[in-house]
């Protein structure tokens, strides 16, 4: 040891509680999101939106430029294979999914961050940057999001 001392305001009990409550709440909210997701704000509905997302995939663009038929592209998009899928609390799991399934899973995946702070002295008591470092290294506390995102968990509860 070099004699370094590290001081932190993080409280292990608050950090542990934040982790457990985030996992419990995100599992509940993710089930609701998966069950009720619609895209009424997208012209033509969610099916048109998903179709558009599939057509802009690099592999699909390459197939189009190589003269593949619509049927061949459709078969590629519907073919299932094992893909990695992040489950909160469990990490990556293998799931048989088509390209469409994979796109939908990615679109409806909820993200969160938790910051517990002492309002008197601004000490950070607990900090979670996301649902899992293995899933995403983006710190959802620091990333610049639209303000409306803050209210979604409250709105959808």
N, C-alpha and C. Protein backbone atom coordinates (compact mmCIF):
# COMPACT_ATOMS: atom_id res chain seq x y z
N UNK A 1 0.84 -1.18 0.00
CA UNK A 1 0.00 0.00 0.00
C UNK A 1 0.88 1.25 0.00
N UNK A 2 0.39 2.25 -0.69
CA UNK A 2 1.11 3.51 -0.79
C UNK A 2 0.66 4.55 0.22
N UNK A 3 -0.16 4.13 1.17
CA UNK A 3 -0.62 5.08 2.17
C UNK A 3 -1.75 5.97 1.70
N UNK A 4 -2.35 5.62 0.58
CA UNK A 4 -3.47 6.41 0.07
C UNK A 4 -4.71 6.16 0.91
N UNK A 5 -5.43 7.22 1.15
CA UNK A 5 -6.71 7.09 1.84
C UNK A 5 -7.78 7.66 0.92
N UNK A 6 -8.83 6.89 0.74
CA UNK A 6 -9.93 7.34 -0.11
C UNK A 6 -11.14 7.57 0.77
N UNK A 7 -11.68 8.75 0.66
CA UNK A 7 -12.87 9.11 1.44
C UNK A 7 -14.04 9.26 0.48
N UNK A 8 -15.18 8.78 0.88
CA UNK A 8 -16.38 8.89 0.06
C UNK A 8 -17.58 9.19 0.94
N UNK A 9 -18.54 9.85 0.36
CA UNK A 9 -19.79 10.12 1.08
C UNK A 9 -20.81 9.03 0.82
N UNK A 10 -20.49 8.09 -0.07
CA UNK A 10 -21.42 7.00 -0.36
C UNK A 10 -21.69 6.19 0.91
N UNK A 11 -22.94 5.86 1.10
CA UNK A 11 -23.35 5.06 2.25
C UNK A 11 -23.71 3.66 1.75
N UNK A 12 -22.98 2.63 2.17
CA UNK A 12 -23.21 1.27 1.66
C UNK A 12 -24.66 0.81 1.80
N UNK A 13 -25.32 1.14 2.90
CA UNK A 13 -26.71 0.70 3.08
C UNK A 13 -27.64 1.41 2.09
N UNK A 14 -27.41 2.68 1.84
CA UNK A 14 -28.24 3.41 0.87
C UNK A 14 -27.94 2.90 -0.54
N UNK A 15 -26.69 2.64 -0.86
CA UNK A 15 -26.31 2.13 -2.18
C UNK A 15 -26.98 0.78 -2.43
N UNK A 16 -26.92 -0.11 -1.44
CA UNK A 16 -27.52 -1.44 -1.58
C UNK A 16 -29.03 -1.33 -1.76
N UNK A 17 -29.67 -0.44 -0.98
CA UNK A 17 -31.12 -0.24 -1.08
C UNK A 17 -31.48 0.31 -2.47
N UNK A 18 -30.68 1.25 -2.96
CA UNK A 18 -30.92 1.81 -4.29
C UNK A 18 -30.83 0.73 -5.37
N UNK A 19 -29.84 -0.14 -5.26
CA UNK A 19 -29.66 -1.21 -6.24
C UNK A 19 -30.85 -2.17 -6.23
N UNK A 20 -31.26 -2.58 -5.04
CA UNK A 20 -32.38 -3.52 -4.93
C UNK A 20 -33.68 -2.89 -5.40
N UNK A 21 -33.94 -1.65 -5.01
CA UNK A 21 -35.20 -1.01 -5.39
C UNK A 21 -35.23 -0.71 -6.89
N UNK A 22 -34.08 -0.34 -7.47
CA UNK A 22 -34.02 -0.10 -8.91
C UNK A 22 -34.31 -1.38 -9.66
N UNK A 23 -33.70 -2.47 -9.25
CA UNK A 23 -33.92 -3.75 -9.93
C UNK A 23 -35.39 -4.16 -9.85
N UNK A 24 -35.96 -4.09 -8.66
CA UNK A 24 -37.37 -4.47 -8.46
C UNK A 24 -38.30 -3.60 -9.32
N UNK A 25 -38.09 -2.30 -9.29
CA UNK A 25 -38.96 -1.37 -10.03
C UNK A 25 -38.78 -1.51 -11.55
N UNK A 26 -37.54 -1.68 -12.00
CA UNK A 26 -37.29 -1.79 -13.44
C UNK A 26 -37.85 -3.09 -14.00
N UNK A 27 -37.80 -4.17 -13.24
CA UNK A 27 -38.39 -5.42 -13.70
C UNK A 27 -39.90 -5.23 -13.87
N UNK A 28 -40.52 -4.58 -12.91
CA UNK A 28 -41.97 -4.33 -12.97
C UNK A 28 -42.32 -3.42 -14.15
N UNK A 29 -41.58 -2.32 -14.29
CA UNK A 29 -41.87 -1.38 -15.37
C UNK A 29 -41.58 -1.97 -16.75
N UNK A 30 -40.50 -2.79 -16.84
CA UNK A 30 -40.16 -3.39 -18.13
C UNK A 30 -41.26 -4.35 -18.58
N UNK A 31 -41.83 -5.11 -17.66
CA UNK A 31 -42.94 -6.01 -18.01
C UNK A 31 -44.11 -5.21 -18.55
N UNK A 32 -44.42 -4.08 -17.93
CA UNK A 32 -45.51 -3.22 -18.41
C UNK A 32 -45.19 -2.64 -19.78
N UNK A 33 -43.95 -2.21 -19.96
CA UNK A 33 -43.54 -1.64 -21.24
C UNK A 33 -43.65 -2.69 -22.35
N UNK A 34 -43.16 -3.90 -22.08
CA UNK A 34 -43.21 -4.97 -23.08
C UNK A 34 -44.65 -5.32 -23.44
N UNK A 35 -45.53 -5.26 -22.46
CA UNK A 35 -46.92 -5.65 -22.67
C UNK A 35 -47.72 -4.57 -23.40
N UNK A 36 -47.49 -3.31 -23.06
CA UNK A 36 -48.37 -2.24 -23.53
C UNK A 36 -47.74 -1.29 -24.55
N UNK A 37 -46.52 -1.56 -24.99
CA UNK A 37 -45.87 -0.62 -25.88
C UNK A 37 -46.64 -0.43 -27.18
N UNK A 38 -46.90 0.82 -27.51
CA UNK A 38 -47.47 1.20 -28.81
C UNK A 38 -46.75 2.45 -29.25
N UNK A 39 -46.91 2.77 -30.48
CA UNK A 39 -46.27 3.97 -31.01
C UNK A 39 -47.30 4.77 -31.79
N UNK A 40 -48.29 5.24 -31.08
CA UNK A 40 -49.37 5.98 -31.73
C UNK A 40 -48.91 7.33 -32.26
N UNK A 41 -47.80 7.84 -31.73
CA UNK A 41 -47.31 9.14 -32.21
C UNK A 41 -46.58 9.01 -33.54
N UNK A 42 -46.25 7.80 -33.93
CA UNK A 42 -45.56 7.57 -35.20
C UNK A 42 -46.60 7.43 -36.30
N UNK A 43 -46.40 8.15 -37.37
CA UNK A 43 -47.34 8.06 -38.49
C UNK A 43 -47.39 6.63 -39.00
N UNK A 44 -48.59 6.05 -39.03
CA UNK A 44 -48.77 4.68 -39.48
C UNK A 44 -48.69 3.66 -38.36
N UNK A 45 -48.39 4.09 -37.14
CA UNK A 45 -48.32 3.18 -36.01
C UNK A 45 -46.98 2.51 -35.87
N UNK A 46 -46.89 1.64 -34.86
CA UNK A 46 -45.60 1.02 -34.54
C UNK A 46 -45.12 0.07 -35.63
N UNK A 47 -46.03 -0.57 -36.35
CA UNK A 47 -45.62 -1.50 -37.39
C UNK A 47 -44.84 -0.77 -38.50
N UNK A 48 -45.33 0.40 -38.90
CA UNK A 48 -44.65 1.18 -39.93
C UNK A 48 -43.30 1.66 -39.41
N UNK A 49 -43.26 2.06 -38.14
CA UNK A 49 -42.02 2.52 -37.53
C UNK A 49 -40.97 1.40 -37.50
N UNK A 50 -41.38 0.21 -37.09
CA UNK A 50 -40.47 -0.93 -37.04
C UNK A 50 -39.99 -1.30 -38.44
N UNK A 51 -40.91 -1.28 -39.38
CA UNK A 51 -40.55 -1.57 -40.79
C UNK A 51 -39.47 -0.60 -41.27
N UNK A 52 -39.65 0.67 -40.93
CA UNK A 52 -38.67 1.69 -41.33
C UNK A 52 -37.31 1.40 -40.68
N UNK A 53 -37.32 1.03 -39.41
CA UNK A 53 -36.06 0.72 -38.72
C UNK A 53 -35.37 -0.49 -39.34
N UNK A 54 -36.14 -1.47 -39.77
CA UNK A 54 -35.54 -2.65 -40.39
C UNK A 54 -34.90 -2.31 -41.74
N UNK A 55 -35.53 -1.42 -42.50
CA UNK A 55 -35.00 -1.09 -43.82
C UNK A 55 -33.71 -0.28 -43.75
N UNK A 56 -33.44 0.37 -42.63
CA UNK A 56 -32.20 1.16 -42.53
C UNK A 56 -31.05 0.37 -41.90
N UNK A 57 -31.27 -0.92 -41.61
CA UNK A 57 -30.19 -1.75 -41.09
C UNK A 57 -29.12 -1.91 -42.17
N UNK A 58 -27.83 -1.79 -41.82
CA UNK A 58 -26.76 -1.90 -42.82
C UNK A 58 -26.83 -3.19 -43.65
N UNK A 59 -27.16 -4.30 -43.02
CA UNK A 59 -27.24 -5.57 -43.76
C UNK A 59 -28.34 -5.50 -44.81
N UNK A 60 -29.48 -4.93 -44.45
CA UNK A 60 -30.61 -4.81 -45.39
C UNK A 60 -30.24 -3.86 -46.52
N UNK A 61 -29.61 -2.75 -46.21
CA UNK A 61 -29.17 -1.81 -47.26
C UNK A 61 -28.22 -2.51 -48.23
N UNK A 62 -27.33 -3.33 -47.69
CA UNK A 62 -26.38 -4.07 -48.51
C UNK A 62 -27.11 -5.07 -49.40
N UNK A 63 -28.11 -5.75 -48.85
CA UNK A 63 -28.89 -6.72 -49.62
C UNK A 63 -29.62 -6.02 -50.77
N UNK A 64 -30.17 -4.85 -50.50
CA UNK A 64 -30.88 -4.08 -51.54
C UNK A 64 -29.91 -3.68 -52.64
N UNK A 65 -28.73 -3.17 -52.24
CA UNK A 65 -27.76 -2.73 -53.24
C UNK A 65 -27.20 -3.90 -54.05
N UNK A 66 -27.25 -5.11 -53.50
CA UNK A 66 -26.80 -6.30 -54.23
C UNK A 66 -27.92 -6.95 -55.02
N UNK A 67 -29.08 -6.29 -55.08
CA UNK A 67 -30.18 -6.76 -55.92
C UNK A 67 -31.00 -7.90 -55.35
N UNK A 68 -30.95 -8.11 -54.05
CA UNK A 68 -31.77 -9.17 -53.43
C UNK A 68 -33.24 -8.80 -53.54
N UNK A 69 -34.08 -9.80 -53.70
CA UNK A 69 -35.52 -9.57 -53.83
C UNK A 69 -36.12 -9.24 -52.47
N UNK A 70 -37.32 -8.67 -52.50
CA UNK A 70 -38.03 -8.36 -51.26
C UNK A 70 -38.28 -9.63 -50.45
N UNK A 71 -38.55 -10.73 -51.14
CA UNK A 71 -38.79 -12.00 -50.46
C UNK A 71 -37.54 -12.48 -49.73
N UNK A 72 -36.37 -12.36 -50.38
CA UNK A 72 -35.12 -12.77 -49.74
C UNK A 72 -34.82 -11.91 -48.50
N UNK A 73 -35.08 -10.62 -48.62
CA UNK A 73 -34.88 -9.71 -47.49
C UNK A 73 -35.84 -10.05 -46.37
N UNK A 74 -37.09 -10.31 -46.72
CA UNK A 74 -38.10 -10.66 -45.72
C UNK A 74 -37.70 -11.95 -44.98
N UNK A 75 -37.21 -12.94 -45.72
CA UNK A 75 -36.77 -14.20 -45.10
C UNK A 75 -35.62 -13.94 -44.13
N UNK A 76 -34.67 -13.09 -44.53
CA UNK A 76 -33.55 -12.76 -43.65
C UNK A 76 -34.06 -12.10 -42.36
N UNK A 77 -34.98 -11.16 -42.49
CA UNK A 77 -35.49 -10.42 -41.33
C UNK A 77 -36.30 -11.31 -40.40
N UNK A 78 -36.95 -12.34 -40.94
CA UNK A 78 -37.79 -13.21 -40.12
C UNK A 78 -37.03 -14.41 -39.55
N UNK A 79 -35.85 -14.68 -40.07
CA UNK A 79 -35.07 -15.82 -39.59
C UNK A 79 -34.60 -15.57 -38.16
N UNK A 80 -34.86 -16.54 -37.29
CA UNK A 80 -34.44 -16.38 -35.90
C UNK A 80 -33.07 -17.01 -35.67
N UNK A 81 -32.35 -16.41 -34.76
CA UNK A 81 -31.07 -16.97 -34.33
C UNK A 81 -30.83 -16.51 -32.90
N UNK A 82 -29.89 -17.16 -32.24
CA UNK A 82 -29.58 -16.81 -30.85
C UNK A 82 -28.93 -15.43 -30.83
N UNK A 83 -29.51 -14.55 -30.04
CA UNK A 83 -28.98 -13.20 -29.88
C UNK A 83 -28.88 -12.90 -28.39
N UNK A 84 -27.92 -12.06 -28.03
CA UNK A 84 -27.76 -11.69 -26.64
C UNK A 84 -28.85 -10.69 -26.24
N UNK A 85 -29.44 -10.92 -25.08
CA UNK A 85 -30.48 -10.04 -24.56
C UNK A 85 -30.20 -9.79 -23.09
N UNK A 86 -30.22 -8.53 -22.66
CA UNK A 86 -29.92 -8.17 -21.28
C UNK A 86 -31.15 -8.29 -20.41
N UNK A 87 -31.05 -9.08 -19.35
CA UNK A 87 -32.11 -9.20 -18.36
C UNK A 87 -31.62 -8.55 -17.08
N UNK A 88 -32.41 -7.62 -16.56
CA UNK A 88 -32.04 -6.93 -15.33
C UNK A 88 -31.88 -7.95 -14.21
N UNK A 89 -30.77 -7.84 -13.51
CA UNK A 89 -30.50 -8.74 -12.40
C UNK A 89 -29.85 -10.05 -12.80
N UNK A 90 -29.83 -10.36 -14.10
CA UNK A 90 -29.26 -11.64 -14.55
C UNK A 90 -28.15 -11.46 -15.58
N UNK A 91 -28.10 -10.33 -16.23
CA UNK A 91 -27.08 -10.10 -17.25
C UNK A 91 -27.54 -10.58 -18.62
N UNK A 92 -26.59 -10.83 -19.51
CA UNK A 92 -26.92 -11.26 -20.86
C UNK A 92 -27.38 -12.70 -20.87
N UNK A 93 -28.44 -12.94 -21.62
CA UNK A 93 -28.96 -14.28 -21.83
C UNK A 93 -29.17 -14.46 -23.33
N UNK A 94 -29.09 -15.69 -23.78
CA UNK A 94 -29.30 -15.99 -25.18
C UNK A 94 -30.80 -16.19 -25.43
N UNK A 95 -31.31 -15.52 -26.48
CA UNK A 95 -32.70 -15.67 -26.88
C UNK A 95 -32.76 -15.87 -28.38
N UNK A 96 -33.66 -16.73 -28.84
CA UNK A 96 -33.88 -16.86 -30.27
C UNK A 96 -34.77 -15.72 -30.71
N UNK A 97 -34.24 -14.86 -31.55
CA UNK A 97 -34.96 -13.68 -32.01
C UNK A 97 -34.70 -13.43 -33.49
N UNK A 98 -35.70 -12.86 -34.14
CA UNK A 98 -35.52 -12.37 -35.50
C UNK A 98 -34.93 -10.96 -35.40
N UNK A 99 -34.59 -10.39 -36.54
CA UNK A 99 -34.10 -9.00 -36.55
C UNK A 99 -35.18 -8.08 -35.99
N UNK A 100 -36.42 -8.31 -36.38
CA UNK A 100 -37.53 -7.49 -35.89
C UNK A 100 -37.66 -7.60 -34.37
N UNK A 101 -37.62 -8.83 -33.85
CA UNK A 101 -37.70 -9.03 -32.40
C UNK A 101 -36.57 -8.29 -31.68
N UNK A 102 -35.37 -8.37 -32.26
CA UNK A 102 -34.21 -7.73 -31.67
C UNK A 102 -34.36 -6.20 -31.65
N UNK A 103 -34.88 -5.65 -32.73
CA UNK A 103 -35.10 -4.20 -32.82
C UNK A 103 -36.13 -3.76 -31.78
N UNK A 104 -37.22 -4.50 -31.67
CA UNK A 104 -38.26 -4.16 -30.70
C UNK A 104 -37.70 -4.25 -29.29
N UNK A 105 -36.97 -5.32 -28.99
CA UNK A 105 -36.38 -5.48 -27.66
C UNK A 105 -35.48 -4.30 -27.32
N UNK A 106 -34.73 -3.87 -28.30
CA UNK A 106 -33.82 -2.74 -28.10
C UNK A 106 -34.58 -1.43 -27.90
N UNK A 107 -35.64 -1.24 -28.66
CA UNK A 107 -36.42 0.00 -28.57
C UNK A 107 -37.17 0.15 -27.26
N UNK A 108 -37.67 -0.94 -26.74
CA UNK A 108 -38.51 -0.85 -25.54
C UNK A 108 -37.71 -1.07 -24.25
N UNK A 109 -36.41 -1.27 -24.36
CA UNK A 109 -35.58 -1.45 -23.17
C UNK A 109 -35.53 -0.15 -22.39
N UNK A 110 -35.96 -0.20 -21.16
CA UNK A 110 -35.96 0.97 -20.29
C UNK A 110 -34.57 1.18 -19.69
N UNK A 111 -34.24 2.42 -19.44
CA UNK A 111 -32.97 2.81 -18.83
C UNK A 111 -33.28 3.68 -17.63
N UNK A 112 -32.39 3.69 -16.68
CA UNK A 112 -32.60 4.51 -15.50
C UNK A 112 -31.27 4.83 -14.84
N UNK A 113 -31.33 5.73 -13.92
CA UNK A 113 -30.21 6.07 -13.06
C UNK A 113 -30.78 6.57 -11.74
N UNK A 114 -30.04 6.39 -10.67
CA UNK A 114 -30.50 6.86 -9.36
C UNK A 114 -29.37 7.65 -8.71
N UNK A 115 -29.73 8.81 -8.20
CA UNK A 115 -28.80 9.64 -7.44
C UNK A 115 -29.47 9.97 -6.11
N UNK A 116 -28.88 9.50 -5.02
CA UNK A 116 -29.37 9.83 -3.69
C UNK A 116 -28.40 10.84 -3.09
N UNK A 117 -28.94 11.98 -2.69
CA UNK A 117 -28.08 13.07 -2.28
C UNK A 117 -28.59 13.72 -1.00
N UNK A 118 -27.69 14.14 -0.15
CA UNK A 118 -28.04 14.88 1.05
C UNK A 118 -28.31 16.32 0.62
N UNK A 119 -29.51 16.80 0.84
CA UNK A 119 -29.87 18.15 0.37
C UNK A 119 -29.22 19.26 1.19
N UNK A 120 -28.71 18.94 2.34
CA UNK A 120 -28.09 19.97 3.19
C UNK A 120 -26.64 20.26 2.79
N UNK A 121 -25.90 19.21 2.46
CA UNK A 121 -24.47 19.43 2.16
C UNK A 121 -24.05 18.90 0.79
N UNK A 122 -24.99 18.42 -0.01
CA UNK A 122 -24.76 17.92 -1.37
C UNK A 122 -23.89 16.66 -1.40
N UNK A 123 -23.80 15.96 -0.30
CA UNK A 123 -23.04 14.70 -0.27
C UNK A 123 -23.82 13.64 -1.06
N UNK A 124 -23.12 12.92 -1.92
CA UNK A 124 -23.74 11.85 -2.68
C UNK A 124 -23.75 10.60 -1.81
N UNK A 125 -24.95 10.10 -1.53
CA UNK A 125 -25.12 8.97 -0.62
C UNK A 125 -25.26 7.65 -1.37
N UNK A 126 -25.80 7.70 -2.57
CA UNK A 126 -25.97 6.52 -3.40
C UNK A 126 -25.96 6.92 -4.85
N UNK A 127 -25.42 6.07 -5.73
CA UNK A 127 -25.29 6.44 -7.13
C UNK A 127 -25.36 5.19 -8.01
N UNK A 128 -26.32 5.17 -8.91
CA UNK A 128 -26.43 4.12 -9.92
C UNK A 128 -26.52 4.80 -11.27
N UNK A 129 -25.57 4.55 -12.14
CA UNK A 129 -25.56 5.18 -13.44
C UNK A 129 -26.44 4.51 -14.48
N UNK A 130 -26.89 3.28 -14.21
CA UNK A 130 -27.70 2.58 -15.19
C UNK A 130 -28.19 1.25 -14.65
N UNK A 131 -28.80 0.45 -15.54
CA UNK A 131 -29.37 -0.83 -15.12
C UNK A 131 -28.32 -1.93 -15.04
N UNK A 132 -27.15 -1.69 -15.57
CA UNK A 132 -26.08 -2.68 -15.49
C UNK A 132 -24.91 -2.26 -16.36
N UNK A 133 -23.72 -2.26 -15.80
CA UNK A 133 -22.54 -1.84 -16.55
C UNK A 133 -22.27 -2.77 -17.72
N UNK A 134 -22.61 -4.05 -17.55
CA UNK A 134 -22.41 -5.01 -18.64
C UNK A 134 -23.30 -4.72 -19.83
N UNK A 135 -24.45 -4.10 -19.58
CA UNK A 135 -25.38 -3.77 -20.65
C UNK A 135 -24.99 -2.47 -21.35
N UNK A 136 -24.70 -1.45 -20.57
CA UNK A 136 -24.38 -0.15 -21.14
C UNK A 136 -23.43 0.60 -20.21
N UNK A 137 -22.39 1.16 -20.78
CA UNK A 137 -21.45 1.93 -20.00
C UNK A 137 -21.83 3.41 -19.97
N UNK A 138 -23.00 3.73 -20.47
CA UNK A 138 -23.49 5.12 -20.45
C UNK A 138 -23.99 5.43 -19.05
N UNK A 139 -23.55 6.54 -18.51
CA UNK A 139 -23.99 6.97 -17.19
C UNK A 139 -25.26 7.79 -17.37
N UNK A 140 -26.40 7.20 -17.03
CA UNK A 140 -27.69 7.87 -17.23
C UNK A 140 -27.91 9.06 -16.32
N UNK A 141 -27.08 9.23 -15.32
CA UNK A 141 -27.17 10.42 -14.47
C UNK A 141 -26.53 11.61 -15.17
N UNK A 142 -25.43 11.39 -15.84
CA UNK A 142 -24.68 12.49 -16.46
C UNK A 142 -25.09 12.78 -17.91
N UNK A 143 -25.65 11.80 -18.60
CA UNK A 143 -26.00 11.98 -20.02
C UNK A 143 -27.09 13.04 -20.16
N UNK A 144 -26.99 13.82 -21.20
CA UNK A 144 -27.98 14.88 -21.43
C UNK A 144 -29.19 14.29 -22.15
N UNK A 145 -30.30 14.19 -21.43
CA UNK A 145 -31.56 13.69 -21.97
C UNK A 145 -32.58 14.81 -21.98
N UNK A 146 -33.63 14.59 -22.74
CA UNK A 146 -34.72 15.55 -22.69
C UNK A 146 -35.33 15.54 -21.29
N UNK A 147 -35.79 16.67 -20.85
CA UNK A 147 -36.33 16.81 -19.50
C UNK A 147 -37.51 15.87 -19.29
N UNK A 148 -38.33 15.63 -20.32
CA UNK A 148 -39.50 14.78 -20.19
C UNK A 148 -39.18 13.38 -19.73
N UNK A 149 -37.97 12.90 -20.01
CA UNK A 149 -37.58 11.56 -19.60
C UNK A 149 -37.60 11.39 -18.09
N UNK A 150 -37.40 12.46 -17.36
CA UNK A 150 -37.40 12.40 -15.91
C UNK A 150 -38.77 11.97 -15.38
N UNK A 151 -39.84 12.36 -16.07
CA UNK A 151 -41.18 12.14 -15.59
C UNK A 151 -41.77 10.79 -16.01
N UNK A 152 -41.14 10.09 -16.92
CA UNK A 152 -41.72 8.84 -17.42
C UNK A 152 -41.98 7.80 -16.34
N UNK A 153 -41.03 7.52 -15.44
CA UNK A 153 -41.34 6.52 -14.40
C UNK A 153 -42.52 6.93 -13.53
N UNK A 154 -42.66 8.20 -13.29
CA UNK A 154 -43.78 8.69 -12.47
C UNK A 154 -45.08 8.55 -13.25
N UNK A 155 -45.06 8.90 -14.51
CA UNK A 155 -46.23 8.86 -15.37
C UNK A 155 -46.73 7.43 -15.57
N UNK A 156 -45.82 6.49 -15.77
CA UNK A 156 -46.21 5.13 -16.13
C UNK A 156 -46.44 4.22 -14.93
N UNK A 157 -46.30 4.74 -13.73
CA UNK A 157 -46.50 3.89 -12.54
C UNK A 157 -47.96 3.59 -12.35
